[in-house]
Amino acid sequence: MWWLIIAAACGVIEVLSLDLVFAMFGAGAAAASLTAVATDDFLISTIVFGVVSVAMLGVVRPVALRHLRTGPDVKMGIEALTGSKAVVLERVDEQHGLVKLAGEVWTARPYDSDAVLEPGASVDVVEIRGATAYVL
């Protein structure tokens, strides 16, 4: 009975701390509770508690933390615009040009300095430097 109370207390503390340490101790206490029911020996259930808790801390916790802390690779800001399509609004050459990119008008220059892009052309954004999109 005490092992179940310890497991429940560890669960409550884990919910408050969210560091995945007390959850591992709770799993050890649950395993010790099952062992106590099967053997009715406090020493064996204490050993099971220690072994399961250490194993959970050493094996399960690092894997769980890795999965929790790595999110999807989301590009934001100008990183999200690199590689996207744009439409030339005003002739793009080495001196001037405008493109419509993600619903906004951007100044643009050709990525290849010799290129000239005419209005209506669909282009790829290769790079963004400041407020200027370099397109191909």
Protein backbone atom coordinates (compact mmCIF):
# COMPACT_ATOMS: atom_id res chain seq x y z
CA MET A 1 0.00 0.00 0.00
CA TRP A 2 2.82 2.42 0.84
CA TRP A 3 4.40 1.92 -2.57
CA LEU A 4 1.18 3.01 -4.28
CA ILE A 5 1.03 6.12 -2.09
CA ILE A 6 4.65 6.89 -2.99
CA ALA A 7 3.88 6.34 -6.69
CA ALA A 8 0.87 8.69 -6.49
CA ALA A 9 2.89 11.32 -4.63
CA CYS A 10 5.63 11.10 -7.26
CA GLY A 11 2.98 11.57 -9.94
CA VAL A 12 1.66 14.71 -8.28
CA ILE A 13 5.16 16.13 -7.82
CA GLU A 14 5.96 15.33 -11.47
CA VAL A 15 2.91 17.23 -12.66
CA LEU A 16 4.11 20.24 -10.70
CA SER A 17 7.79 20.02 -11.70
CA LEU A 18 7.61 18.62 -15.28
CA ASP A 19 11.23 17.45 -15.30
CA LEU A 20 10.59 13.69 -15.74
CA VAL A 21 12.50 12.71 -12.59
CA PHE A 22 9.65 11.97 -10.23
CA ALA A 23 7.80 10.10 -12.97
CA MET A 24 10.72 7.66 -13.08
CA PHE A 25 10.60 7.26 -9.29
CA GLY A 26 6.85 6.75 -9.57
CA ALA A 27 7.42 3.94 -12.06
CA GLY A 28 9.91 2.39 -9.64
CA ALA A 29 7.37 2.66 -6.80
CA ALA A 30 4.69 1.04 -8.97
CA ALA A 31 7.04 -1.83 -9.79
CA ALA A 32 7.90 -2.17 -6.10
CA SER A 33 4.18 -2.27 -5.30
CA LEU A 34 3.69 -5.18 -7.71
CA THR A 35 6.71 -6.91 -6.23
CA ALA A 36 5.39 -6.41 -2.68
CA VAL A 37 2.08 -8.01 -3.67
CA ALA A 38 3.89 -10.97 -5.26
CA THR A 39 6.55 -11.58 -2.60
CA ASP A 40 5.44 -9.73 0.55
CA ASP A 41 9.12 -8.96 1.21
CA PHE A 42 10.02 -5.32 1.91
CA LEU A 43 13.74 -5.77 1.10
CA ILE A 44 13.07 -7.25 -2.34
CA SER A 45 10.50 -4.60 -3.21
CA THR A 46 12.96 -1.88 -2.09
CA ILE A 47 15.64 -3.36 -4.35
CA VAL A 48 13.14 -3.48 -7.24
CA PHE A 49 12.26 0.15 -6.55
CA GLY A 50 15.94 1.17 -6.75
CA VAL A 51 16.76 -0.88 -9.85
CA VAL A 52 13.67 0.20 -11.81
CA SER A 53 14.08 3.86 -10.81
CA VAL A 54 17.76 3.96 -11.82
CA ALA A 55 17.01 2.14 -15.08
CA MET A 56 14.19 4.55 -15.89
CA LEU A 57 16.38 7.56 -15.07
CA GLY A 58 19.28 6.23 -17.14
CA VAL A 59 17.45 4.84 -20.16
CA VAL A 60 13.89 6.15 -20.51
CA ARG A 61 14.30 9.75 -19.30
CA PRO A 62 17.01 10.77 -21.83
CA VAL A 63 14.98 9.34 -24.70
CA ALA A 64 11.80 11.02 -23.49
CA LEU A 65 13.54 14.38 -23.07
CA ARG A 66 15.03 14.16 -26.55
CA HIS A 67 11.59 13.57 -28.03
CA LEU A 68 10.00 16.35 -26.00
CA ARG A 69 12.62 18.97 -26.77
CA THR A 70 13.00 18.47 -30.50
CA GLY A 71 10.13 20.10 -32.29
CA PRO A 72 9.39 20.33 -35.96
CA ASP A 73 11.81 22.27 -38.11
CA VAL A 74 9.81 25.43 -38.68
CA LYS A 75 11.31 28.25 -40.69
CA MET A 76 10.20 31.72 -39.76
CA GLY A 77 10.76 35.23 -41.05
CA ILE A 78 13.04 35.64 -44.04
CA GLU A 79 14.24 32.04 -43.70
CA ALA A 80 10.74 30.93 -44.70
CA LEU A 81 10.82 33.12 -47.81
CA THR A 82 14.10 31.73 -49.15
CA GLY A 83 13.26 29.10 -51.76
CA SER A 84 9.73 30.36 -52.36
CA LYS A 85 8.20 31.63 -55.60
CA ALA A 86 7.69 35.28 -56.49
CA VAL A 87 6.20 37.14 -59.45
CA VAL A 88 8.08 39.98 -61.13
CA LEU A 89 6.02 43.20 -60.97
CA GLU A 90 8.59 45.60 -62.38
CA ARG A 91 11.60 44.71 -64.53
CA VAL A 92 14.37 43.26 -62.34
CA ASP A 93 17.92 44.12 -63.29
CA GLU A 94 21.12 45.09 -61.50
CA GLN A 95 19.81 48.57 -60.60
CA HIS A 96 16.12 48.13 -59.71
CA GLY A 97 13.14 45.84 -59.67
CA LEU A 98 10.07 44.75 -57.73
CA VAL A 99 8.56 41.34 -57.06
CA LYS A 100 5.45 40.16 -55.27
CA LEU A 101 6.56 37.71 -52.60
CA ALA A 102 4.18 36.13 -50.07
CA GLY A 103 1.58 38.80 -50.80
CA GLU A 104 3.99 41.69 -50.28
CA VAL A 105 5.95 43.87 -52.68
CA TRP A 106 9.74 43.49 -52.28
CA THR A 107 12.63 45.21 -53.95
CA ALA A 108 14.49 42.66 -56.01
CA ARG A 109 17.76 42.10 -57.79
CA PRO A 110 18.77 39.20 -60.00
CA TYR A 111 20.96 36.65 -58.24
CA ASP A 112 22.93 36.41 -61.47
CA SER A 113 24.00 40.03 -62.00
CA ASP A 114 23.78 39.75 -65.81
CA ALA A 115 20.18 38.52 -65.84
CA VAL A 116 17.17 40.69 -66.64
CA LEU A 117 13.73 39.48 -65.57
CA GLU A 118 10.59 40.87 -67.18
CA PRO A 119 7.23 41.60 -65.50
CA GLY A 120 4.95 38.58 -65.12
CA ALA A 121 7.82 36.12 -64.87
CA SER A 122 7.74 33.58 -62.05
CA VAL A 123 11.03 33.52 -60.16
CA ASP A 124 12.59 31.66 -57.24
CA VAL A 125 13.89 33.55 -54.22
CA VAL A 126 17.50 32.46 -53.71
CA GLU A 127 18.48 34.80 -50.92
CA ILE A 128 17.25 37.80 -48.97
CA ARG A 129 19.65 40.52 -47.90
CA GLY A 130 18.05 43.23 -45.83
CA ALA A 131 14.84 44.19 -47.63
CA THR A 132 15.99 42.98 -51.05
CA ALA A 133 15.12 39.59 -52.53
CA TYR A 134 17.72 38.06 -54.86
CA VAL A 135 15.86 36.01 -57.45
CA LEU A 136 16.49 33.68 -60.37
